């Protein structure tokens, strides 16, 4: 089996020509950064084996994740399950490579808050250390 790993720009060309973008990242990952593309189907890797049956077999599919590791595994799985190897592609470098290539993503600003400790030392004890 020889799954084609493609660059972000090659993926964009396939998607523009009608391929489906399959994002296998988990929901919490997508909440932080998501592909900005017209048609993105998300089936998280953790439940992929229970939900892949809805994927079209007559269409090119670009599988993507965060760095390209899970997407390669999913692409291999699809070929084993009967999808045509010529129609399955893995996005090398995942969404990180996509963003680095200047392709559109939507990111959420991360915010952090520091809880104010009950005591000056932070141990939480009312009678401080």
C-alpha atoms as a PDB file:
ATOM      1  CA  UNK A   1       0.000   0.000   0.000  1.00  0.00           C
ATOM      2  CA  UNK A   2       1.359   3.364  -1.015  1.00  0.00           C
ATOM      3  CA  UNK A   3      -0.733   6.200   0.418  1.00  0.00           C
ATOM      4  CA  UNK A   4       0.028   9.514  -1.238  1.00  0.00           C
ATOM      5  CA  UNK A   5       1.175  12.106   1.281  1.00  0.00           C
ATOM      6  CA  UNK A   6       0.610  15.523  -0.237  1.00  0.00           C
ATOM      7  CA  UNK A   7       1.618  19.066   0.597  1.00  0.00           C
ATOM      8  CA  UNK A   8      -0.848  21.689   1.736  1.00  0.00           C
ATOM      9  CA  UNK A   9      -0.788  23.371  -1.675  1.00  0.00           C
ATOM     10  CA  UNK A  10      -1.414  20.059  -3.454  1.00  0.00           C
ATOM     11  CA  UNK A  11      -4.294  19.427  -1.042  1.00  0.00           C
ATOM     12  CA  UNK A  12      -5.761  22.847  -1.791  1.00  0.00           C
ATOM     13  CA  UNK A  13      -5.661  22.073  -5.530  1.00  0.00           C
ATOM     14  CA  UNK A  14      -7.492  18.774  -4.988  1.00  0.00           C
ATOM     15  CA  UNK A  15     -10.074  20.450  -2.760  1.00  0.00           C
ATOM     16  CA  UNK A  16     -10.657  23.202  -5.298  1.00  0.00           C
ATOM     17  CA  UNK A  17     -11.246  20.477  -7.894  1.00  0.00           C
ATOM     18  CA  UNK A  18     -13.927  18.873  -5.702  1.00  0.00           C
ATOM     19  CA  UNK A  19     -12.166  16.567  -3.249  1.00  0.00           C
ATOM     20  CA  UNK A  20     -13.563  16.176   0.262  1.00  0.00           C
ATOM     21  CA  UNK A  21     -11.507  17.391   3.230  1.00  0.00           C
ATOM     22  CA  UNK A  22     -11.791  14.851   6.042  1.00  0.00           C
ATOM     23  CA  UNK A  23     -10.535  16.215   9.369  1.00  0.00           C
ATOM     24  CA  UNK A  24      -9.880  13.413  11.871  1.00  0.00           C
ATOM     25  CA  UNK A  25      -8.819  15.645  14.760  1.00  0.00           C
ATOM     26  CA  UNK A  26     -10.773  15.549  17.989  1.00  0.00           C
ATOM     27  CA  UNK A  27     -13.425  18.176  18.718  1.00  0.00           C
ATOM     28  CA  UNK A  28     -11.281  20.020  21.286  1.00  0.00           C
ATOM     29  CA  UNK A  29      -8.519  20.383  18.681  1.00  0.00           C
ATOM     30  CA  UNK A  30     -10.953  21.819  16.152  1.00  0.00           C
ATOM     31  CA  UNK A  31     -12.192  24.319  18.726  1.00  0.00           C
ATOM     32  CA  UNK A  32      -8.652  25.735  18.865  1.00  0.00           C
ATOM     33  CA  UNK A  33      -7.898  25.782  15.132  1.00  0.00           C
ATOM     34  CA  UNK A  34      -9.998  24.769  12.167  1.00  0.00           C
ATOM     35  CA  UNK A  35      -9.617  24.565   8.415  1.00  0.00           C
ATOM     36  CA  UNK A  36     -11.378  27.368   6.585  1.00  0.00           C
ATOM     37  CA  UNK A  37     -12.723  25.566   3.553  1.00  0.00           C
ATOM     38  CA  UNK A  38     -16.210  25.218   2.097  1.00  0.00           C
ATOM     39  CA  UNK A  39     -16.627  21.521   2.801  1.00  0.00           C
ATOM     40  CA  UNK A  40     -14.928  19.900   5.778  1.00  0.00           C
ATOM     41  CA  UNK A  41     -16.203  16.671   7.296  1.00  0.00           C
ATOM     42  CA  UNK A  42     -15.033  15.918  10.826  1.00  0.00           C
ATOM     43  CA  UNK A  43     -14.930  12.343  12.048  1.00  0.00           C
ATOM     44  CA  UNK A  44     -12.703  12.238  15.144  1.00  0.00           C
ATOM     45  CA  UNK A  45      -9.955   9.623  15.106  1.00  0.00           C
ATOM     46  CA  UNK A  46     -11.189   8.213  18.431  1.00  0.00           C
ATOM     47  CA  UNK A  47     -14.506   7.135  16.876  1.00  0.00           C
ATOM     48  CA  UNK A  48     -13.481   6.838  13.245  1.00  0.00           C
ATOM     49  CA  UNK A  49     -13.830   3.066  12.996  1.00  0.00           C
ATOM     50  CA  UNK A  50     -17.494   3.373  14.026  1.00  0.00           C
ATOM     51  CA  UNK A  51     -18.383   6.227  11.636  1.00  0.00           C
ATOM     52  CA  UNK A  52     -16.414   5.984   8.409  1.00  0.00           C
ATOM     53  CA  UNK A  53     -19.196   4.258   6.457  1.00  0.00           C
ATOM     54  CA  UNK A  54     -20.735   7.582   5.432  1.00  0.00           C
ATOM     55  CA  UNK A  55     -17.686   8.525   3.338  1.00  0.00           C
ATOM     56  CA  UNK A  56     -18.131   8.514  -0.432  1.00  0.00           C
ATOM     57  CA  UNK A  57     -16.207   5.868  -2.361  1.00  0.00           C
ATOM     58  CA  UNK A  58     -16.499   7.683  -5.696  1.00  0.00           C
ATOM     59  CA  UNK A  59     -14.734  10.884  -4.670  1.00  0.00           C
ATOM     60  CA  UNK A  60     -11.189  11.964  -3.816  1.00  0.00           C
ATOM     61  CA  UNK A  61     -10.652  12.392  -0.065  1.00  0.00           C
ATOM     62  CA  UNK A  62      -7.896  14.430   1.590  1.00  0.00           C
ATOM     63  CA  UNK A  63      -7.462  13.190   5.161  1.00  0.00           C
ATOM     64  CA  UNK A  64      -6.043  15.714   7.621  1.00  0.00           C
ATOM     65  CA  UNK A  65      -5.138  15.919  11.291  1.00  0.00           C
ATOM     66  CA  UNK A  66      -2.775  18.032  13.390  1.00  0.00           C
ATOM     67  CA  UNK A  67       0.606  16.875  12.061  1.00  0.00           C
ATOM     68  CA  UNK A  68      -0.153  14.140   9.527  1.00  0.00           C
ATOM     69  CA  UNK A  69       0.271  11.020  11.649  1.00  0.00           C
ATOM     70  CA  UNK A  70      -3.354  10.119  12.342  1.00  0.00           C
ATOM     71  CA  UNK A  71      -4.378  11.112   8.820  1.00  0.00           C
ATOM     72  CA  UNK A  72      -1.912   8.635   7.341  1.00  0.00           C
ATOM     73  CA  UNK A  73      -3.280   5.866   9.563  1.00  0.00           C
ATOM     74  CA  UNK A  74      -6.865   6.709   8.572  1.00  0.00           C
ATOM     75  CA  UNK A  75      -5.929   6.814   4.882  1.00  0.00           C
ATOM     76  CA  UNK A  76      -4.379   3.340   5.186  1.00  0.00           C
ATOM     77  CA  UNK A  77      -7.463   2.098   7.033  1.00  0.00           C
ATOM     78  CA  UNK A  78      -9.781   3.386   4.289  1.00  0.00           C
ATOM     79  CA  UNK A  79      -7.804   1.604   1.585  1.00  0.00           C
ATOM     80  CA  UNK A  80      -7.902  -1.623   3.612  1.00  0.00           C
ATOM     81  CA  UNK A  81     -11.682  -1.167   3.913  1.00  0.00           C
ATOM     82  CA  UNK A  82     -12.101  -0.946   0.135  1.00  0.00           C
ATOM     83  CA  UNK A  83     -11.617   2.694  -0.868  1.00  0.00           C
ATOM     84  CA  UNK A  84      -9.595   3.169  -4.046  1.00  0.00           C
ATOM     85  CA  UNK A  85      -6.008   4.030  -3.118  1.00  0.00           C
ATOM     86  CA  UNK A  86      -5.896   6.465  -6.056  1.00  0.00           C
ATOM     87  CA  UNK A  87      -8.614   8.587  -4.368  1.00  0.00           C
ATOM     88  CA  UNK A  88      -7.148   8.732  -0.843  1.00  0.00           C
ATOM     89  CA  UNK A  89      -4.566  11.321   0.200  1.00  0.00           C
ATOM     90  CA  UNK A  90      -2.986  12.250   3.526  1.00  0.00           C
ATOM     91  CA  UNK A  91      -2.111  15.886   4.245  1.00  0.00           C
ATOM     92  CA  UNK A  92       1.560  15.785   5.207  1.00  0.00           C
ATOM     93  CA  UNK A  93       2.149  18.018   8.202  1.00  0.00           C
ATOM     94  CA  UNK A  94      -1.583  18.393   8.895  1.00  0.00           C
ATOM     95  CA  UNK A  95      -3.231  21.678   9.744  1.00  0.00           C
ATOM     96  CA  UNK A  96       0.110  23.030  10.915  1.00  0.00           C
ATOM     97  CA  UNK A  97       1.540  22.668   7.386  1.00  0.00           C
ATOM     98  CA  UNK A  98      -1.699  24.088   5.961  1.00  0.00           C
ATOM     99  CA  UNK A  99      -1.362  27.206   8.094  1.00  0.00           C
ATOM    100  CA  UNK A 100       2.391  27.502   7.451  1.00  0.00           C
ATOM    101  CA  UNK A 101       1.645  27.462   3.693  1.00  0.00           C
ATOM    102  CA  UNK A 102      -0.525  30.536   4.217  1.00  0.00           C
ATOM    103  CA  UNK A 103      -3.801  28.697   3.676  1.00  0.00           C
ATOM    104  CA  UNK A 104      -6.788  29.865   5.724  1.00  0.00           C
ATOM    105  CA  UNK A 105      -7.498  28.666   9.248  1.00  0.00           C
ATOM    106  CA  UNK A 106      -9.700  29.970  11.996  1.00  0.00           C
ATOM    107  CA  UNK A 107      -7.983  30.154  15.359  1.00  0.00           C
ATOM    108  CA  UNK A 108      -9.344  30.873  18.786  1.00  0.00           C
ATOM    109  CA  UNK A 109      -7.360  33.073  21.097  1.00  0.00           C
ATOM    110  CA  UNK A 110      -6.255  31.121  24.102  1.00  0.00           C
ATOM    111  CA  UNK A 111      -6.888  32.774  27.413  1.00  0.00           C
ATOM    112  CA  UNK A 112      -5.433  31.827  30.727  1.00  0.00           C
ATOM    113  CA  UNK A 113      -6.504  32.810  34.189  1.00  0.00           C
ATOM    114  CA  UNK A 114      -4.610  32.326  37.362  1.00  0.00           C
ATOM    115  CA  UNK A 115      -6.719  31.495  40.358  1.00  0.00           C
ATOM    116  CA  UNK A 116      -5.900  33.704  43.280  1.00  0.00           C
ATOM    117  CA  UNK A 117      -4.658  31.481  46.102  1.00  0.00           C
ATOM    118  CA  UNK A 118      -6.404  31.631  49.452  1.00  0.00           C
ATOM    119  CA  UNK A 119      -3.058  32.396  51.100  1.00  0.00           C
ATOM    120  CA  UNK A 120       0.061  34.217  50.062  1.00  0.00           C
ATOM    121  CA  UNK A 121       2.059  30.982  49.765  1.00  0.00           C
ATOM    122  CA  UNK A 122      -0.581  29.241  47.656  1.00  0.00           C
ATOM    123  CA  UNK A 123      -0.969  26.165  49.851  1.00  0.00           C
ATOM    124  CA  UNK A 124      -4.673  26.820  50.371  1.00  0.00           C
ATOM    125  CA  UNK A 125      -4.448  26.417  54.116  1.00  0.00           C
ATOM    126  CA  UNK A 126      -6.160  29.088  56.166  1.00  0.00           C
ATOM    127  CA  UNK A 127      -3.332  29.078  58.669  1.00  0.00           C
ATOM    128  CA  UNK A 128      -0.563  29.527  56.098  1.00  0.00           C
ATOM    129  CA  UNK A 129       2.534  27.392  56.304  1.00  0.00           C
END
